[in-house]
Amino acid sequence: MYFIELNNGVQIPQVGMGLAAVGGWQQDNEYVTDTILKAISIGYRQFDTASVYGNERALGRAIRESGLPRETFFITSKLWDTEQGRSKTHDAFARSLERLQLEYLDLYLIHWPVPAYTRETWEAMEVLYQQKKVRALGLSNFRKADIEQIATFAEVRPVCNQIELHPYFTQQPLVDYCQFHKIAISCWSPLGTGSSWSGVSQSQKPIVDPLIVKIAESHSVSPAQVILKWNVQQHRIVIPKAEKLDNMRSNFLLTGFSLSNSEIREINGLNGNKRLGGDPDYAHKNNLTVKVPD
């Protein structure tokens, strides 16, 4: 298992499992729990959820049913847009802990930037950090300007920024900025396949790109493994979503091969600034009104 040390000394597994829409949107049932238990049996220990995903309870059940000690897991959850603000943040965090049946989180993220509430939200999160209810604080979908805003007042530095990143959308200037400031990059939808709302067909996604397929064949691995290894070798965190056992195993088992520097450069060259998911530049993103499940 690969690890990255965050800027506060906390270590995070570099390969985790994203839980957005596992079993369908806002599903919290035994299927989701069983899927997570299968991932645990393979070796996954980092799980990424969010209040708006609606599956925190399913993740909590899986942790308990696994029989493994709590400290063996790295659990991330996120604060939704409508939960931001000083008192709302504390209440939302408490609800996430209650649904997960945990005493602390390893990482808590602001899910999307809402600049009008960023300061009071972050300061509320800093209190949770000081109370040792969370081991690290971070961001999701934050642009350079959003991070610069936090830098003007934050006493606790963000440890990571979770962003859409795949071979067709590398966000290199933002990645360089974050890494220069020791903010780790976590990639959601790293395979470029988890964005059905984008209207992009499977044939237009990087996992079937001829270059990716060619490199995969040369290493006798899957295209997904190539893309994930491309991220791992560039010191990024990946949280691919998978529900089939074979896919979960393939995404996790990235040993036994390495990409050359030239192969990494070739994959970098596929970037076309092709966003497949939500855009933080779109004011309030329409999904601001999405209801967080009770």
C-alpha atoms as a PDB file:
ATOM      1  CA  MET A   1       0.000   0.000   0.000  1.00  0.00           C
ATOM      2  CA  TYR A   2       1.281   3.451  -0.954  1.00  0.00           C
ATOM      3  CA  PHE A   3       1.073   6.400   1.462  1.00  0.00           C
ATOM      4  CA  ILE A   4       1.446  10.163   1.220  1.00  0.00           C
ATOM      5  CA  GLU A   5       2.406  12.275   4.225  1.00  0.00           C
ATOM      6  CA  LEU A   6       0.180  15.338   4.498  1.00  0.00           C
ATOM      7  CA  ASN A   7       1.569  18.708   5.579  1.00  0.00           C
ATOM      8  CA  ASN A   8       0.511  18.134   9.216  1.00  0.00           C
ATOM      9  CA  GLY A   9       2.303  14.765   9.418  1.00  0.00           C
ATOM     10  CA  VAL A  10      -0.802  12.586   8.985  1.00  0.00           C
ATOM     11  CA  GLN A  11      -0.355   9.745   6.506  1.00  0.00           C
ATOM     12  CA  ILE A  12      -3.063   8.916   3.967  1.00  0.00           C
ATOM     13  CA  PRO A  13      -3.222   5.806   1.774  1.00  0.00           C
ATOM     14  CA  GLN A  14      -2.549   6.962  -1.763  1.00  0.00           C
ATOM     15  CA  VAL A  15      -5.180   4.632  -3.239  1.00  0.00           C
ATOM     16  CA  GLY A  16      -8.671   4.770  -1.777  1.00  0.00           C
ATOM     17  CA  MET A  17     -12.239   4.122  -2.812  1.00  0.00           C
ATOM     18  CA  GLY A  18     -14.672   6.867  -3.727  1.00  0.00           C
ATOM     19  CA  LEU A  19     -18.243   6.248  -2.597  1.00  0.00           C
ATOM     20  CA  ALA A  20     -20.178   8.787  -4.687  1.00  0.00           C
ATOM     21  CA  ALA A  21     -23.312   7.102  -6.076  1.00  0.00           C
ATOM     22  CA  VAL A  22     -22.294   3.550  -5.125  1.00  0.00           C
ATOM     23  CA  GLY A  23     -25.437   1.528  -5.777  1.00  0.00           C
ATOM     24  CA  GLY A  24     -27.118   4.687  -7.070  1.00  0.00           C
ATOM     25  CA  TRP A  25     -27.409   8.265  -5.844  1.00  0.00           C
ATOM     26  CA  GLN A  26     -28.004   8.663  -2.090  1.00  0.00           C
ATOM     27  CA  GLN A  27     -28.349   4.933  -1.482  1.00  0.00           C
ATOM     28  CA  ASP A  28     -27.768   3.700   2.067  1.00  0.00           C
ATOM     29  CA  ASN A  29     -28.461  -0.011   2.094  1.00  0.00           C
ATOM     30  CA  GLU A  30     -26.904  -3.435   2.560  1.00  0.00           C
ATOM     31  CA  TYR A  31     -25.695  -3.490  -1.041  1.00  0.00           C
ATOM     32  CA  VAL A  32     -23.509  -0.441  -0.352  1.00  0.00           C
ATOM     33  CA  THR A  33     -22.255  -1.966   2.903  1.00  0.00           C
ATOM     34  CA  ASP A  34     -21.455  -5.273   1.182  1.00  0.00           C
ATOM     35  CA  THR A  35     -19.617  -3.452  -1.614  1.00  0.00           C
ATOM     36  CA  ILE A  36     -17.450  -1.647   0.945  1.00  0.00           C
ATOM     37  CA  LEU A  37     -16.810  -4.915   2.812  1.00  0.00           C
ATOM     38  CA  LYS A  38     -15.556  -6.466  -0.425  1.00  0.00           C
ATOM     39  CA  ALA A  39     -13.191  -3.519  -0.859  1.00  0.00           C
ATOM     40  CA  ILE A  40     -11.946  -3.960   2.700  1.00  0.00           C
ATOM     41  CA  SER A  41     -11.277  -7.650   2.016  1.00  0.00           C
ATOM     42  CA  ILE A  42      -9.092  -6.655  -0.950  1.00  0.00           C
ATOM     43  CA  GLY A  43      -7.084  -4.257   1.225  1.00  0.00           C
ATOM     44  CA  TYR A  44      -8.702  -0.826   0.833  1.00  0.00           C
ATOM     45  CA  ARG A  45      -8.426   1.257   3.978  1.00  0.00           C
ATOM     46  CA  GLN A  46      -9.152   4.766   2.677  1.00  0.00           C
ATOM     47  CA  PHE A  47     -12.833   5.518   1.999  1.00  0.00           C
ATOM     48  CA  ASP A  48     -14.146   8.842   0.721  1.00  0.00           C
ATOM     49  CA  THR A  49     -17.773   9.762   1.406  1.00  0.00           C
ATOM     50  CA  ALA A  50     -19.774  12.973   1.893  1.00  0.00           C
ATOM     51  CA  SER A  51     -22.924  14.056   3.646  1.00  0.00           C
ATOM     52  CA  VAL A  52     -24.659  14.605   0.293  1.00  0.00           C
ATOM     53  CA  TYR A  53     -23.778  11.091  -0.941  1.00  0.00           C
ATOM     54  CA  GLY A  54     -26.255   9.671   1.560  1.00  0.00           C
ATOM     55  CA  ASN A  55     -24.178   6.577   2.342  1.00  0.00           C
ATOM     56  CA  GLU A  56     -22.302   7.499   5.515  1.00  0.00           C
ATOM     57  CA  ARG A  57     -24.393   5.010   7.530  1.00  0.00           C
ATOM     58  CA  ALA A  58     -23.549   2.208   5.084  1.00  0.00           C
ATOM     59  CA  LEU A  59     -19.842   2.987   5.442  1.00  0.00           C
ATOM     60  CA  GLY A  60     -20.139   3.019   9.233  1.00  0.00           C
ATOM     61  CA  ARG A  61     -21.809  -0.392   9.177  1.00  0.00           C
ATOM     62  CA  ALA A  62     -19.053  -1.795   6.975  1.00  0.00           C
ATOM     63  CA  ILE A  63     -16.355  -0.524   9.327  1.00  0.00           C
ATOM     64  CA  ARG A  64     -18.048  -2.173  12.298  1.00  0.00           C
ATOM     65  CA  GLU A  65     -18.805  -5.417  10.472  1.00  0.00           C
ATOM     66  CA  SER A  66     -15.221  -5.702   9.214  1.00  0.00           C
ATOM     67  CA  GLY A  67     -14.040  -6.337  12.766  1.00  0.00           C
ATOM     68  CA  LEU A  68     -10.910  -4.276  12.097  1.00  0.00           C
ATOM     69  CA  PRO A  69      -9.749  -1.597  14.555  1.00  0.00           C
ATOM     70  CA  ARG A  70     -10.966   1.930  13.745  1.00  0.00           C
ATOM     71  CA  GLU A  71      -7.397   3.230  13.490  1.00  0.00           C
ATOM     72  CA  THR A  72      -6.665   0.973  10.511  1.00  0.00           C
ATOM     73  CA  PHE A  73      -9.043   3.066   8.376  1.00  0.00           C
ATOM     74  CA  PHE A  74      -8.691   6.520   6.851  1.00  0.00           C
ATOM     75  CA  ILE A  75     -12.185   8.015   6.594  1.00  0.00           C
ATOM     76  CA  THR A  76     -12.975  11.221   4.716  1.00  0.00           C
ATOM     77  CA  SER A  77     -16.290  13.049   4.603  1.00  0.00           C
ATOM     78  CA  LYS A  78     -17.332  16.406   3.188  1.00  0.00           C
ATOM     79  CA  LEU A  79     -19.414  19.417   4.154  1.00  0.00           C
ATOM     80  CA  TRP A  80     -22.110  20.250   1.601  1.00  0.00           C
ATOM     81  CA  ASP A  81     -22.819  23.758   0.292  1.00  0.00           C
ATOM     82  CA  THR A  82     -26.049  24.302   2.250  1.00  0.00           C
ATOM     83  CA  GLU A  83     -24.309  23.185   5.460  1.00  0.00           C
ATOM     84  CA  GLN A  84     -21.648  25.904   5.353  1.00  0.00           C
ATOM     85  CA  GLY A  85     -21.445  28.647   7.972  1.00  0.00           C
ATOM     86  CA  ARG A  86     -20.200  28.726  11.556  1.00  0.00           C
ATOM     87  CA  SER A  87     -22.952  26.951  13.491  1.00  0.00           C
ATOM     88  CA  LYS A  88     -24.157  24.915  10.510  1.00  0.00           C
ATOM     89  CA  THR A  89     -20.684  23.430  10.059  1.00  0.00           C
ATOM     90  CA  HIS A  90     -20.547  22.147  13.644  1.00  0.00           C
ATOM     91  CA  ASP A  91     -24.026  20.652  13.326  1.00  0.00           C
ATOM     92  CA  ALA A  92     -23.276  19.029   9.970  1.00  0.00           C
ATOM     93  CA  PHE A  93     -20.042  17.499  11.273  1.00  0.00           C
ATOM     94  CA  ALA A  94     -21.885  16.072  14.287  1.00  0.00           C
ATOM     95  CA  ARG A  95     -24.500  14.533  11.993  1.00  0.00           C
ATOM     96  CA  SER A  96     -21.796  12.922   9.851  1.00  0.00           C
ATOM     97  CA  LEU A  97     -20.142  11.397  12.920  1.00  0.00           C
ATOM     98  CA  GLU A  98     -23.518  10.129  14.140  1.00  0.00           C
ATOM     99  CA  ARG A  99     -24.317   8.518  10.788  1.00  0.00           C
ATOM    100  CA  LEU A 100     -20.865   6.945  10.614  1.00  0.00           C
ATOM    101  CA  GLN A 101     -20.959   5.973  14.309  1.00  0.00           C
ATOM    102  CA  LEU A 102     -17.385   7.212  14.674  1.00  0.00           C
ATOM    103  CA  GLU A 103     -15.713   9.349  17.321  1.00  0.00           C
ATOM    104  CA  TYR A 104     -13.523  11.214  14.841  1.00  0.00           C
ATOM    105  CA  LEU A 105     -12.812  11.661  11.126  1.00  0.00           C
ATOM    106  CA  ASP A 106      -9.402  11.408   9.522  1.00  0.00           C
ATOM    107  CA  LEU A 107     -10.136  14.147   6.981  1.00  0.00           C
ATOM    108  CA  TYR A 108     -12.964  16.672   6.613  1.00  0.00           C
ATOM    109  CA  LEU A 109     -13.376  18.675   3.404  1.00  0.00           C
ATOM    110  CA  ILE A 110     -15.390  21.648   2.212  1.00  0.00           C
ATOM    111  CA  HIS A 111     -17.160  19.980  -0.715  1.00  0.00           C
ATOM    112  CA  TRP A 112     -17.423  23.045  -3.013  1.00  0.00           C
ATOM    113  CA  PRO A 113     -16.245  26.630  -2.570  1.00  0.00           C
ATOM    114  CA  VAL A 114     -18.907  29.106  -1.475  1.00  0.00           C
ATOM    115  CA  PRO A 115     -16.675  32.178  -0.958  1.00  0.00           C
ATOM    116  CA  ALA A 116     -19.234  34.152   1.045  1.00  0.00           C
ATOM    117  CA  TYR A 117     -19.123  31.474   3.760  1.00  0.00           C
ATOM    118  CA  THR A 118     -15.551  30.234   3.461  1.00  0.00           C
ATOM    119  CA  ARG A 119     -14.057  32.123   6.397  1.00  0.00           C
ATOM    120  CA  GLU A 120     -16.653  31.214   9.016  1.00  0.00           C
ATOM    121  CA  THR A 121     -16.827  27.652   7.697  1.00  0.00           C
ATOM    122  CA  TRP A 122     -13.058  27.151   7.840  1.00  0.00           C
ATOM    123  CA  GLU A 123     -12.781  28.737  11.279  1.00  0.00           C
ATOM    124  CA  ALA A 124     -15.507  26.377  12.538  1.00  0.00           C
ATOM    125  CA  MET A 125     -13.570  23.451  11.075  1.00  0.00           C
ATOM    126  CA  GLU A 126     -10.407  24.672  12.808  1.00  0.00           C
ATOM    127  CA  VAL A 127     -12.247  24.388  16.127  1.00  0.00           C
ATOM    128  CA  LEU A 128     -13.109  20.755  15.312  1.00  0.00           C
ATOM    129  CA  TYR A 129      -9.455  20.150  14.479  1.00  0.00           C
ATOM    130  CA  GLN A 130      -8.294  21.727  17.746  1.00  0.00           C
ATOM    131  CA  GLN A 131     -10.805  19.547  19.593  1.00  0.00           C
ATOM    132  CA  LYS A 132      -9.194  16.508  17.898  1.00  0.00           C
ATOM    133  CA  LYS A 133     -12.498  15.490  16.316  1.00  0.00           C
ATOM    134  CA  VAL A 134     -10.762  15.429  12.941  1.00  0.00           C
ATOM    135  CA  ARG A 135      -7.124  14.676  12.144  1.00  0.00           C
ATOM    136  CA  ALA A 136      -6.811  16.865   9.047  1.00  0.00           C
ATOM    137  CA  LEU A 137      -8.743  19.572   7.177  1.00  0.00           C
ATOM    138  CA  GLY A 138      -8.946  19.984   3.439  1.00  0.00           C
ATOM    139  CA  LEU A 139     -10.725  21.327   0.396  1.00  0.00           C
ATOM    140  CA  SER A 140     -12.577  19.962  -2.596  1.00  0.00           C
ATOM    141  CA  ASN A 141     -13.017  21.645  -5.991  1.00  0.00           C
ATOM    142  CA  PHE A 142     -11.243  24.805  -4.782  1.00  0.00           C
ATOM    143  CA  ARG A 143      -9.698  27.120  -7.370  1.00  0.00           C
ATOM    144  CA  LYS A 144      -6.470  29.045  -6.845  1.00  0.00           C
ATOM    145  CA  ALA A 145      -8.417  32.185  -5.847  1.00  0.00           C
ATOM    146  CA  ASP A 146     -10.401  30.195  -3.272  1.00  0.00           C
ATOM    147  CA  ILE A 147      -7.216  28.844  -1.710  1.00  0.00           C
ATOM    148  CA  GLU A 148      -5.677  32.316  -1.661  1.00  0.00           C
ATOM    149  CA  GLN A 149      -8.744  33.534   0.227  1.00  0.00           C
ATOM    150  CA  ILE A 150      -8.211  30.891   2.930  1.00  0.00           C
ATOM    151  CA  ALA A 151      -4.523  31.774   3.166  1.00  0.00           C
ATOM    152  CA  THR A 152      -5.419  35.291   4.351  1.00  0.00           C
ATOM    153  CA  PHE A 153      -6.889  34.063   7.642  1.00  0.00           C
ATOM    154  CA  ALA A 154      -6.342  30.330   8.194  1.00  0.00           C
ATOM    155  CA  GLU A 155      -4.454  29.203  11.282  1.00  0.00           C
ATOM    156  CA  VAL A 156      -4.614  25.579  10.128  1.00  0.00           C
ATOM    157  CA  ARG A 157      -3.387  24.963   6.601  1.00  0.00           C
ATOM    158  CA  PRO A 158      -5.455  22.782   4.243  1.00  0.00           C
ATOM    159  CA  VAL A 159      -3.714  19.448   3.743  1.00  0.00           C
ATOM    160  CA  CYS A 160      -5.242  18.624   0.355  1.00  0.00           C
ATOM    161  CA  ASN A 161      -7.458  19.756  -2.488  1.00  0.00           C
ATOM    162  CA  GLN A 162      -9.686  17.083  -4.020  1.00  0.00           C
ATOM    163  CA  ILE A 163     -10.317  17.941  -7.672  1.00  0.00           C
ATOM    164  CA  GLU A 164     -11.472  16.377 -10.915  1.00  0.00           C
ATOM    165  CA  LEU A 165      -8.286  15.126 -12.545  1.00  0.00           C
ATOM    166  CA  HIS A 166      -7.790  12.591 -15.332  1.00  0.00           C
ATOM    167  CA  PRO A 167      -5.714  12.424 -18.538  1.00  0.00           C
ATOM    168  CA  TYR A 168      -8.161  14.650 -20.435  1.00  0.00           C
ATOM    169  CA  PHE A 169      -8.277  17.238 -17.642  1.00  0.00           C
ATOM    170  CA  THR A 170      -4.973  17.529 -15.808  1.00  0.00           C
ATOM    171  CA  GLN A 171      -5.413  21.019 -14.253  1.00  0.00           C
ATOM    172  CA  GLN A 172      -1.623  21.331 -14.226  1.00  0.00           C
ATOM    173  CA  PRO A 173      -1.418  25.013 -13.133  1.00  0.00           C
ATOM    174  CA  LEU A 174      -3.661  24.309 -10.124  1.00  0.00           C
ATOM    175  CA  VAL A 175      -1.771  21.109  -9.329  1.00  0.00           C
ATOM    176  CA  ASP A 176       1.574  22.951  -9.462  1.00  0.00           C
ATOM    177  CA  TYR A 177       0.231  25.727  -7.226  1.00  0.00           C
ATOM    178  CA  CYS A 178      -1.102  23.277  -4.622  1.00  0.00           C
ATOM    179  CA  GLN A 179       1.989  21.096  -4.577  1.00  0.00           C
ATOM    180  CA  PHE A 180       4.253  24.149  -4.254  1.00  0.00           C
ATOM    181  CA  HIS A 181       2.274  25.077  -1.123  1.00  0.00           C
ATOM    182  CA  LYS A 182       2.405  21.488   0.180  1.00  0.00           C
ATOM    183  CA  ILE A 183      -1.294  20.906  -0.433  1.00  0.00           C
ATOM    184  CA  ALA A 184      -1.692  17.316  -1.637  1.00  0.00           C
ATOM    185  CA  ILE A 185      -3.801  16.616  -4.702  1.00  0.00           C
ATOM    186  CA  SER A 186      -6.580  14.045  -4.447  1.00  0.00           C
ATOM    187  CA  CYS A 187      -8.223  13.051  -7.728  1.00  0.00           C
ATOM    188  CA  TRP A 188     -11.918  12.348  -7.960  1.00  0.00           C
ATOM    189  CA  SER A 189     -13.134  10.536 -11.081  1.00  0.00           C
ATOM    190  CA  PRO A 190      -9.458   9.760 -11.859  1.00  0.00           C
ATOM    191  CA  LEU A 191     -10.493   7.404 -14.673  1.00  0.00           C
ATOM    192  CA  GLY A 192     -12.767   9.996 -16.247  1.00  0.00           C
ATOM    193  CA  THR A 193     -15.658   7.531 -16.119  1.00  0.00           C
ATOM    194  CA  GLY A 194     -17.728   8.650 -13.148  1.00  0.00           C
ATOM    195  CA  SER A 195     -19.608  11.585 -14.664  1.00  0.00           C
ATOM    196  CA  SER A 196     -22.712  10.276 -16.417  1.00  0.00           C
ATOM    197  CA  TRP A 197     -24.373  13.680 -16.012  1.00  0.00           C
ATOM    198  CA  SER A 198     -21.826  15.208 -18.406  1.00  0.00           C
ATOM    199  CA  GLY A 199     -23.395  13.633 -21.476  1.00  0.00           C
ATOM    200  CA  VAL A 200     -19.976  12.338 -22.592  1.00  0.00           C
ATOM    201  CA  SER A 201     -20.148   8.835 -24.050  1.00  0.00           C
ATOM    202  CA  GLN A 202     -17.906   6.010 -22.883  1.00  0.00           C
ATOM    203  CA  SER A 203     -16.077   6.136 -26.245  1.00  0.00           C
ATOM    204  CA  GLN A 204     -15.008   9.725 -25.515  1.00  0.00           C
ATOM    205  CA  LYS A 205     -13.416   8.981 -22.140  1.00  0.00           C
ATOM    206  CA  PRO A 206      -9.709   8.513 -21.396  1.00  0.00           C
ATOM    207  CA  ILE A 207     -10.012   4.894 -20.285  1.00  0.00           C
ATOM    208  CA  VAL A 208     -10.491   3.891 -23.937  1.00  0.00           C
ATOM    209  CA  ASP A 209      -7.991   6.340 -25.426  1.00  0.00           C
ATOM    210  CA  PRO A 210      -5.706   4.506 -27.922  1.00  0.00           C
ATOM    211  CA  LEU A 211      -2.556   5.757 -26.181  1.00  0.00           C
ATOM    212  CA  ILE A 212      -3.737   4.515 -22.772  1.00  0.00           C
ATOM    213  CA  VAL A 213      -4.752   1.165 -24.279  1.00  0.00           C
ATOM    214  CA  LYS A 214      -1.384   0.830 -26.047  1.00  0.00           C
ATOM    215  CA  ILE A 215       0.579   1.538 -22.843  1.00  0.00           C
ATOM    216  CA  ALA A 216      -1.633  -0.889 -20.907  1.00  0.00           C
ATOM    217  CA  GLU A 217      -0.983  -3.646 -23.433  1.00  0.00           C
ATOM    218  CA  SER A 218       2.773  -3.039 -23.262  1.00  0.00           C
ATOM    219  CA  HIS A 219       2.706  -3.602 -19.480  1.00  0.00           C
ATOM    220  CA  SER A 220       0.066  -6.382 -19.539  1.00  0.00           C
ATOM    221  CA  VAL A 221      -2.216  -4.368 -17.259  1.00  0.00           C
ATOM    222  CA  SER A 222      -5.605  -2.678 -17.655  1.00  0.00           C
ATOM    223  CA  PRO A 223      -6.106   0.885 -18.959  1.00  0.00           C
ATOM    224  CA  ALA A 224      -7.500   1.802 -15.530  1.00  0.00           C
ATOM    225  CA  GLN A 225      -4.308   0.608 -13.860  1.00  0.00           C
ATOM    226  CA  VAL A 226      -2.236   2.731 -16.232  1.00  0.00           C
ATOM    227  CA  ILE A 227      -4.214   5.875 -15.409  1.00  0.00           C
ATOM    228  CA  LEU A 228      -4.091   5.249 -11.664  1.00  0.00           C
ATOM    229  CA  LYS A 229      -0.360   4.487 -11.774  1.00  0.00           C
ATOM    230  CA  TRP A 230       0.154   7.698 -13.784  1.00  0.00           C
ATOM    231  CA  ASN A 231      -1.337   9.562 -10.828  1.00  0.00           C
ATOM    232  CA  VAL A 232       0.426   7.580  -8.116  1.00  0.00           C
ATOM    233  CA  GLN A 233       3.850   8.075  -9.702  1.00  0.00           C
ATOM    234  CA  GLN A 234       3.194  11.826  -9.721  1.00  0.00           C
ATOM    235  CA  HIS A 235       2.454  11.759  -5.971  1.00  0.00           C
ATOM    236  CA  ARG A 236      -1.296  12.246  -6.237  1.00  0.00           C
ATOM    237  CA  ILE A 237      -4.032  10.512  -4.256  1.00  0.00           C
ATOM    238  CA  VAL A 238      -6.661   8.563  -6.220  1.00  0.00           C
ATOM    239  CA  ILE A 239     -10.162   7.547  -5.124  1.00  0.00           C
ATOM    240  CA  PRO A 240     -11.692   5.590  -8.021  1.00  0.00           C
ATOM    241  CA  LYS A 241     -15.225   4.307  -7.630  1.00  0.00           C
ATOM    242  CA  ALA A 242     -15.857   0.627  -8.374  1.00  0.00           C
ATOM    243  CA  GLU A 243     -18.601  -1.838  -7.525  1.00  0.00           C
ATOM    244  CA  LYS A 244     -17.485  -5.006  -9.316  1.00  0.00           C
ATOM    245  CA  LEU A 245     -14.975  -7.110  -7.403  1.00  0.00           C
ATOM    246  CA  ASP A 246     -12.600  -7.450 -10.372  1.00  0.00           C
ATOM    247  CA  ASN A 247     -12.537  -3.690 -10.902  1.00  0.00           C
ATOM    248  CA  MET A 248     -11.954  -2.995  -7.215  1.00  0.00           C
ATOM    249  CA  ARG A 249      -9.071  -5.471  -7.190  1.00  0.00           C
ATOM    250  CA  SER A 250      -7.558  -4.092 -10.404  1.00  0.00           C
ATOM    251  CA  ASN A 251      -7.743  -0.489  -9.143  1.00  0.00           C
ATOM    252  CA  PHE A 252      -6.027  -1.404  -5.893  1.00  0.00           C
ATOM    253  CA  LEU A 253      -3.270  -3.715  -7.120  1.00  0.00           C
ATOM    254  CA  LEU A 254      -0.873  -1.341  -8.846  1.00  0.00           C
ATOM    255  CA  THR A 255       2.399  -3.093  -8.043  1.00  0.00           C
ATOM    256  CA  GLY A 256       4.542  -5.036 -10.472  1.00  0.00           C
ATOM    257  CA  PHE A 257       4.884  -2.342 -13.119  1.00  0.00           C
ATOM    258  CA  SER A 258       6.021   1.256 -13.489  1.00  0.00           C
ATOM    259  CA  LEU A 259       5.483   3.818 -16.189  1.00  0.00           C
ATOM    260  CA  SER A 260       8.524   5.372 -17.816  1.00  0.00           C
ATOM    261  CA  ASN A 261       9.056   9.124 -17.774  1.00  0.00           C
ATOM    262  CA  SER A 262       8.289   9.221 -21.493  1.00  0.00           C
ATOM    263  CA  GLU A 263       5.011   7.351 -20.958  1.00  0.00           C
ATOM    264  CA  ILE A 264       4.017   9.801 -18.231  1.00  0.00           C
ATOM    265  CA  ARG A 265       4.800  12.709 -20.563  1.00  0.00           C
ATOM    266  CA  GLU A 266       2.733  11.105 -23.327  1.00  0.00           C
ATOM    267  CA  ILE A 267      -0.266  10.738 -21.030  1.00  0.00           C
ATOM    268  CA  ASN A 268       0.197  14.315 -19.811  1.00  0.00           C
ATOM    269  CA  GLY A 269      -0.031  15.326 -23.450  1.00  0.00           C
ATOM    270  CA  LEU A 270      -3.592  13.998 -23.706  1.00  0.00           C
ATOM    271  CA  ASN A 271      -4.865  16.955 -21.699  1.00  0.00           C
ATOM    272  CA  GLY A 272      -7.528  18.906 -23.526  1.00  0.00           C
ATOM    273  CA  ASN A 273      -8.947  20.819 -20.544  1.00  0.00           C
ATOM    274  CA  LYS A 274     -11.977  18.549 -20.928  1.00  0.00           C
ATOM    275  CA  ARG A 275     -13.990  18.777 -17.724  1.00  0.00           C
ATOM    276  CA  LEU A 276     -16.462  15.898 -17.345  1.00  0.00           C
ATOM    277  CA  GLY A 277     -17.908  16.821 -13.944  1.00  0.00           C
ATOM    278  CA  GLY A 278     -19.205  19.870 -12.096  1.00  0.00           C
ATOM    279  CA  ASP A 279     -17.545  23.243 -12.621  1.00  0.00           C
ATOM    280  CA  PRO A 280     -16.795  25.417  -9.559  1.00  0.00           C
ATOM    281  CA  ASP A 281     -16.832  28.475 -11.831  1.00  0.00           C
ATOM    282  CA  TYR A 282     -20.543  27.974 -12.455  1.00  0.00           C
ATOM    283  CA  ALA A 283     -22.214  30.175  -9.850  1.00  0.00           C
ATOM    284  CA  HIS A 284     -24.008  28.025  -7.284  1.00  0.00           C
ATOM    285  CA  LYS A 285     -23.752  25.087  -9.716  1.00  0.00           C
ATOM    286  CA  ASN A 286     -27.528  24.447  -9.720  1.00  0.00           C
ATOM    287  CA  ASN A 287     -26.959  21.515  -7.352  1.00  0.00           C
ATOM    288  CA  LEU A 288     -26.619  23.958  -4.431  1.00  0.00           C
ATOM    289  CA  THR A 289     -30.200  23.013  -3.587  1.00  0.00           C
ATOM    290  CA  VAL A 290     -29.509  19.270  -3.422  1.00  0.00           C
ATOM    291  CA  LYS A 291     -30.864  18.051  -0.113  1.00  0.00           C
ATOM    292  CA  VAL A 292     -28.559  16.297   2.316  1.00  0.00           C
ATOM    293  CA  PRO A 293     -30.213  13.085   3.588  1.00  0.00           C
ATOM    294  CA  ASP A 294     -31.144  12.969   7.266  1.00  0.00           C
END
